[in-house]
Amino acid sequence: MNIRIIQVILDVFDHYGENIRFEEERFEEALNDEAPDLLDECFWIIRGFQTGIYDSIIFD
């Protein structure tokens, strides 16, 4: 996994706000728009947010 995806996520949160993570389609579109070369990483990040795994890692 490319570590640059972390910066992309932070950039998306800065631009759209942290609550975008609750709007799956919009969040996925924003990630894909910001990092079209990291589509695999974006896919796994979205799946992680859907399962709730990142909520405990990032937001607690």
PDB file of N, CA and C in Angstrom:
ATOM      1  N   MET A   1       0.846  -1.173   0.000  1.00  0.00           N
ATOM      2  CA  MET A   1       0.000   0.000   0.000  1.00  0.00           C
ATOM      3  C   MET A   1       0.894   1.239   0.000  1.00  0.00           C
ATOM      4  N   ASN A   2       0.522   2.208  -0.781  1.00  0.00           N
ATOM      5  CA  ASN A   2       1.271   3.453  -0.891  1.00  0.00           C
ATOM      6  C   ASN A   2       0.932   4.354   0.296  1.00  0.00           C
ATOM      7  N   ILE A   3       1.930   4.799   1.011  1.00  0.00           N
ATOM      8  CA  ILE A   3       1.738   5.623   2.205  1.00  0.00           C
ATOM      9  C   ILE A   3       1.175   7.005   1.871  1.00  0.00           C
ATOM     10  N   ARG A   4       1.281   7.412   0.625  1.00  0.00           N
ATOM     11  CA  ARG A   4       0.765   8.722   0.202  1.00  0.00           C
ATOM     12  C   ARG A   4      -0.745   8.826   0.386  1.00  0.00           C
ATOM     13  N   ILE A   5      -1.422   7.688   0.473  1.00  0.00           N
ATOM     14  CA  ILE A   5      -2.871   7.694   0.645  1.00  0.00           C
ATOM     15  C   ILE A   5      -3.264   8.389   1.948  1.00  0.00           C
ATOM     16  N   ILE A   6      -2.404   8.322   2.948  1.00  0.00           N
ATOM     17  CA  ILE A   6      -2.694   8.983   4.221  1.00  0.00           C
ATOM     18  C   ILE A   6      -2.784  10.490   4.025  1.00  0.00           C
ATOM     19  N   GLN A   7      -1.871  11.046   3.258  1.00  0.00           N
ATOM     20  CA  GLN A   7      -1.915  12.482   2.989  1.00  0.00           C
ATOM     21  C   GLN A   7      -3.150  12.847   2.182  1.00  0.00           C
ATOM     22  N   VAL A   8      -3.535  11.976   1.261  1.00  0.00           N
ATOM     23  CA  VAL A   8      -4.732  12.223   0.457  1.00  0.00           C
ATOM     24  C   VAL A   8      -5.968  12.249   1.360  1.00  0.00           C
ATOM     25  N   ILE A   9      -6.060  11.324   2.284  1.00  0.00           N
ATOM     26  CA  ILE A   9      -7.192  11.291   3.217  1.00  0.00           C
ATOM     27  C   ILE A   9      -7.231  12.570   4.047  1.00  0.00           C
ATOM     28  N   LEU A  10      -6.089  12.978   4.566  1.00  0.00           N
ATOM     29  CA  LEU A  10      -6.034  14.211   5.355  1.00  0.00           C
ATOM     30  C   LEU A  10      -6.421  15.427   4.522  1.00  0.00           C
ATOM     31  N   ASP A  11      -5.987  15.448   3.268  1.00  0.00           N
ATOM     32  CA  ASP A  11      -6.366  16.547   2.379  1.00  0.00           C
ATOM     33  C   ASP A  11      -7.873  16.572   2.130  1.00  0.00           C
ATOM     34  N   VAL A  12      -8.465  15.396   1.934  1.00  0.00           N
ATOM     35  CA  VAL A  12      -9.919  15.318   1.728  1.00  0.00           C
ATOM     36  C   VAL A  12     -10.652  15.795   2.977  1.00  0.00           C
ATOM     37  N   PHE A  13     -10.192  15.381   4.153  1.00  0.00           N
ATOM     38  CA  PHE A  13     -10.817  15.832   5.396  1.00  0.00           C
ATOM     39  C   PHE A  13     -10.676  17.340   5.565  1.00  0.00           C
ATOM     40  N   ASP A  14      -9.508  17.881   5.220  1.00  0.00           N
ATOM     41  CA  ASP A  14      -9.316  19.334   5.316  1.00  0.00           C
ATOM     42  C   ASP A  14     -10.258  20.075   4.378  1.00  0.00           C
ATOM     43  N   HIS A  15     -10.437  19.553   3.201  1.00  0.00           N
ATOM     44  CA  HIS A  15     -11.248  20.242   2.200  1.00  0.00           C
ATOM     45  C   HIS A  15     -12.748  20.087   2.447  1.00  0.00           C
ATOM     46  N   TYR A  16     -13.186  18.866   2.764  1.00  0.00           N
ATOM     47  CA  TYR A  16     -14.624  18.589   2.890  1.00  0.00           C
ATOM     48  C   TYR A  16     -15.109  18.479   4.332  1.00  0.00           C
ATOM     49  N   GLY A  17     -14.197  18.364   5.277  1.00  0.00           N
ATOM     50  CA  GLY A  17     -14.574  18.144   6.669  1.00  0.00           C
ATOM     51  C   GLY A  17     -14.571  16.659   6.987  1.00  0.00           C
ATOM     52  N   GLU A  18     -14.397  16.338   8.252  1.00  0.00           N
ATOM     53  CA  GLU A  18     -14.298  14.939   8.664  1.00  0.00           C
ATOM     54  C   GLU A  18     -15.594  14.165   8.485  1.00  0.00           C
ATOM     55  N   ASN A  19     -16.718  14.836   8.466  1.00  0.00           N
ATOM     56  CA  ASN A  19     -17.999  14.145   8.350  1.00  0.00           C
ATOM     57  C   ASN A  19     -18.234  13.545   6.975  1.00  0.00           C
ATOM     58  N   ILE A  20     -17.389  13.842   6.022  1.00  0.00           N
ATOM     59  CA  ILE A  20     -17.538  13.244   4.694  1.00  0.00           C
ATOM     60  C   ILE A  20     -17.397  11.726   4.775  1.00  0.00           C
ATOM     61  N   ARG A  21     -16.721  11.235   5.787  1.00  0.00           N
ATOM     62  CA  ARG A  21     -16.532   9.779   5.900  1.00  0.00           C
ATOM     63  C   ARG A  21     -17.850   9.038   6.094  1.00  0.00           C
ATOM     64  N   PHE A  22     -18.896   9.759   6.517  1.00  0.00           N
ATOM     65  CA  PHE A  22     -20.202   9.136   6.696  1.00  0.00           C
ATOM     66  C   PHE A  22     -21.006   9.082   5.397  1.00  0.00           C
ATOM     67  N   GLU A  23     -20.550   9.789   4.388  1.00  0.00           N
ATOM     68  CA  GLU A  23     -21.200   9.789   3.075  1.00  0.00           C
ATOM     69  C   GLU A  23     -20.320   8.975   2.134  1.00  0.00           C
ATOM     70  N   GLU A  24     -20.540   7.667   2.122  1.00  0.00           N
ATOM     71  CA  GLU A  24     -19.634   6.736   1.450  1.00  0.00           C
ATOM     72  C   GLU A  24     -19.374   7.081  -0.011  1.00  0.00           C
ATOM     73  N   GLU A  25     -20.412   7.335  -0.760  1.00  0.00           N
ATOM     74  CA  GLU A  25     -20.224   7.605  -2.188  1.00  0.00           C
ATOM     75  C   GLU A  25     -19.438   8.889  -2.410  1.00  0.00           C
ATOM     76  N   ARG A  26     -19.784   9.910  -1.685  1.00  0.00           N
ATOM     77  CA  ARG A  26     -19.095  11.197  -1.824  1.00  0.00           C
ATOM     78  C   ARG A  26     -17.635  11.088  -1.390  1.00  0.00           C
ATOM     79  N   PHE A  27     -17.402  10.360  -0.303  1.00  0.00           N
ATOM     80  CA  PHE A  27     -16.045  10.155   0.198  1.00  0.00           C
ATOM     81  C   PHE A  27     -15.216   9.376  -0.822  1.00  0.00           C
ATOM     82  N   GLU A  28     -15.795   8.337  -1.367  1.00  0.00           N
ATOM     83  CA  GLU A  28     -15.087   7.537  -2.377  1.00  0.00           C
ATOM     84  C   GLU A  28     -14.762   8.380  -3.612  1.00  0.00           C
ATOM     85  N   GLU A  29     -15.718   9.172  -4.062  1.00  0.00           N
ATOM     86  CA  GLU A  29     -15.483  10.043  -5.217  1.00  0.00           C
ATOM     87  C   GLU A  29     -14.385  11.060  -4.935  1.00  0.00           C
ATOM     88  N   ALA A  30     -14.393  11.644  -3.745  1.00  0.00           N
ATOM     89  CA  ALA A  30     -13.375  12.628  -3.381  1.00  0.00           C
ATOM     90  C   ALA A  30     -11.993  11.991  -3.344  1.00  0.00           C
ATOM     91  N   LEU A  31     -11.893  10.811  -2.759  1.00  0.00           N
ATOM     92  CA  LEU A  31     -10.600  10.112  -2.727  1.00  0.00           C
ATOM     93  C   LEU A  31     -10.118   9.782  -4.132  1.00  0.00           C
ATOM     94  N   ASN A  32     -11.011   9.244  -4.944  1.00  0.00           N
ATOM     95  CA  ASN A  32     -10.624   8.876  -6.307  1.00  0.00           C
ATOM     96  C   ASN A  32     -10.234  10.103  -7.131  1.00  0.00           C
ATOM     97  N   ASP A  33     -10.907  11.225  -6.910  1.00  0.00           N
ATOM     98  CA  ASP A  33     -10.558  12.453  -7.621  1.00  0.00           C
ATOM     99  C   ASP A  33      -9.198  12.987  -7.189  1.00  0.00           C
ATOM    100  N   GLU A  34      -8.906  12.880  -5.899  1.00  0.00           N
ATOM    101  CA  GLU A  34      -7.635  13.390  -5.376  1.00  0.00           C
ATOM    102  C   GLU A  34      -6.451  12.487  -5.720  1.00  0.00           C
ATOM    103  N   ALA A  35      -6.700  11.196  -5.872  1.00  0.00           N
ATOM    104  CA  ALA A  35      -5.605  10.246  -6.113  1.00  0.00           C
ATOM    105  C   ALA A  35      -6.005   9.212  -7.162  1.00  0.00           C
ATOM    106  N   PRO A  36      -6.162   9.634  -8.411  1.00  0.00           N
ATOM    107  CA  PRO A  36      -6.565   8.668  -9.440  1.00  0.00           C
ATOM    108  C   PRO A  36      -5.526   7.574  -9.697  1.00  0.00           C
ATOM    109  N   ASP A  37      -4.310   7.813  -9.273  1.00  0.00           N
ATOM    110  CA  ASP A  37      -3.261   6.808  -9.433  1.00  0.00           C
ATOM    111  C   ASP A  37      -3.210   5.825  -8.264  1.00  0.00           C
ATOM    112  N   LEU A  38      -4.057   6.025  -7.267  1.00  0.00           N
ATOM    113  CA  LEU A  38      -4.082   5.161  -6.084  1.00  0.00           C
ATOM    114  C   LEU A  38      -5.449   4.506  -5.893  1.00  0.00           C
ATOM    115  N   LEU A  39      -6.044   4.046  -6.968  1.00  0.00           N
ATOM    116  CA  LEU A  39      -7.408   3.503  -6.881  1.00  0.00           C
ATOM    117  C   LEU A  39      -7.496   2.273  -5.981  1.00  0.00           C
ATOM    118  N   ASP A  40      -6.491   1.410  -5.995  1.00  0.00           N
ATOM    119  CA  ASP A  40      -6.524   0.240  -5.114  1.00  0.00           C
ATOM    120  C   ASP A  40      -6.500   0.656  -3.645  1.00  0.00           C
ATOM    121  N   GLU A  41      -5.638   1.612  -3.329  1.00  0.00           N
ATOM    122  CA  GLU A  41      -5.566   2.098  -1.959  1.00  0.00           C
ATOM    123  C   GLU A  41      -6.874   2.770  -1.549  1.00  0.00           C
ATOM    124  N   CYS A  42      -7.455   3.543  -2.454  1.00  0.00           N
ATOM    125  CA  CYS A  42      -8.738   4.198  -2.171  1.00  0.00           C
ATOM    126  C   CYS A  42      -9.811   3.159  -1.883  1.00  0.00           C
ATOM    127  N   PHE A  43      -9.829   2.084  -2.656  1.00  0.00           N
ATOM    128  CA  PHE A  43     -10.804   1.010  -2.454  1.00  0.00           C
ATOM    129  C   PHE A  43     -10.674   0.440  -1.039  1.00  0.00           C
ATOM    130  N   TRP A  44      -9.456   0.137  -0.619  1.00  0.00           N
ATOM    131  CA  TRP A  44      -9.259  -0.471   0.698  1.00  0.00           C
ATOM    132  C   TRP A  44      -9.549   0.508   1.826  1.00  0.00           C
ATOM    133  N   ILE A  45      -9.268   1.764   1.597  1.00  0.00           N
ATOM    134  CA  ILE A  45      -9.596   2.773   2.614  1.00  0.00           C
ATOM    135  C   ILE A  45     -11.110   2.860   2.790  1.00  0.00           C
ATOM    136  N   ILE A  46     -11.846   2.887   1.696  1.00  0.00           N
ATOM    137  CA  ILE A  46     -13.312   2.942   1.770  1.00  0.00           C
ATOM    138  C   ILE A  46     -13.849   1.710   2.489  1.00  0.00           C
ATOM    139  N   ARG A  47     -13.328   0.537   2.153  1.00  0.00           N
ATOM    140  CA  ARG A  47     -13.780  -0.686   2.826  1.00  0.00           C
ATOM    141  C   ARG A  47     -13.473  -0.641   4.312  1.00  0.00           C
ATOM    142  N   GLY A  48     -12.334  -0.081   4.673  1.00  0.00           N
ATOM    143  CA  GLY A  48     -11.985   0.052   6.085  1.00  0.00           C
ATOM    144  C   GLY A  48     -12.937   0.967   6.826  1.00  0.00           C
ATOM    145  N   PHE A  49     -13.321   2.067   6.190  1.00  0.00           N
ATOM    146  CA  PHE A  49     -14.280   2.967   6.824  1.00  0.00           C
ATOM    147  C   PHE A  49     -15.656   2.318   6.908  1.00  0.00           C
ATOM    148  N   GLN A  50     -16.036   1.539   5.919  1.00  0.00           N
ATOM    149  CA  GLN A  50     -17.338   0.865   5.949  1.00  0.00           C
ATOM    150  C   GLN A  50     -17.424  -0.122   7.102  1.00  0.00           C
ATOM    151  N   THR A  51     -16.330  -0.788   7.403  1.00  0.00           N
ATOM    152  CA  THR A  51     -16.334  -1.760   8.495  1.00  0.00           C
ATOM    153  C   THR A  51     -16.106  -1.122   9.853  1.00  0.00           C
ATOM    154  N   GLY A  52     -15.693   0.145   9.868  1.00  0.00           N
ATOM    155  CA  GLY A  52     -15.479   0.841  11.129  1.00  0.00           C
ATOM    156  C   GLY A  52     -14.092   0.671  11.714  1.00  0.00           C
ATOM    157  N   ILE A  53     -13.218  -0.004  11.009  1.00  0.00           N
ATOM    158  CA  ILE A  53     -11.885  -0.269  11.552  1.00  0.00           C
ATOM    159  C   ILE A  53     -11.074   1.008  11.744  1.00  0.00           C
ATOM    160  N   TYR A  54     -11.231   1.976  10.837  1.00  0.00           N
ATOM    161  CA  TYR A  54     -10.433   3.194  10.937  1.00  0.00           C
ATOM    162  C   TYR A  54     -10.987   4.182  11.948  1.00  0.00           C
ATOM    163  N   ASP A  55     -12.247   4.081  12.283  1.00  0.00           N
ATOM    164  CA  ASP A  55     -12.816   4.984  13.269  1.00  0.00           C
ATOM    165  C   ASP A  55     -12.070   4.860  14.600  1.00  0.00           C
ATOM    166  N   SER A  56     -11.781   3.634  15.003  1.00  0.00           N
ATOM    167  CA  SER A  56     -11.092   3.441  16.280  1.00  0.00           C
ATOM    168  C   SER A  56      -9.616   3.796  16.173  1.00  0.00           C
ATOM    169  N   ILE A  57      -9.030   3.653  15.005  1.00  0.00           N
ATOM    170  CA  ILE A  57      -7.605   3.952  14.836  1.00  0.00           C
ATOM    171  C   ILE A  57      -7.376   5.447  14.694  1.00  0.00           C
ATOM    172  N   ILE A  58      -8.153   6.117  13.872  1.00  0.00           N
ATOM    173  CA  ILE A  58      -7.896   7.508  13.530  1.00  0.00           C
ATOM    174  C   ILE A  58      -8.596   8.482  14.468  1.00  0.00           C
ATOM    175  N   PHE A  59      -9.822   8.216  14.849  1.00  0.00           N
ATOM    176  CA  PHE A  59     -10.621   9.223  15.526  1.00  0.00           C
ATOM    177  C   PHE A  59     -10.735   9.036  17.031  1.00  0.00           C
ATOM    178  N   ASP A  60     -10.143   8.006  17.589  1.00  0.00           N
ATOM    179  CA  ASP A  60     -10.189   7.831  19.059  1.00  0.00           C
ATOM    180  C   ASP A  60      -8.908   8.278  19.699  1.00  0.00           C
TER     181      ASP A  60
END
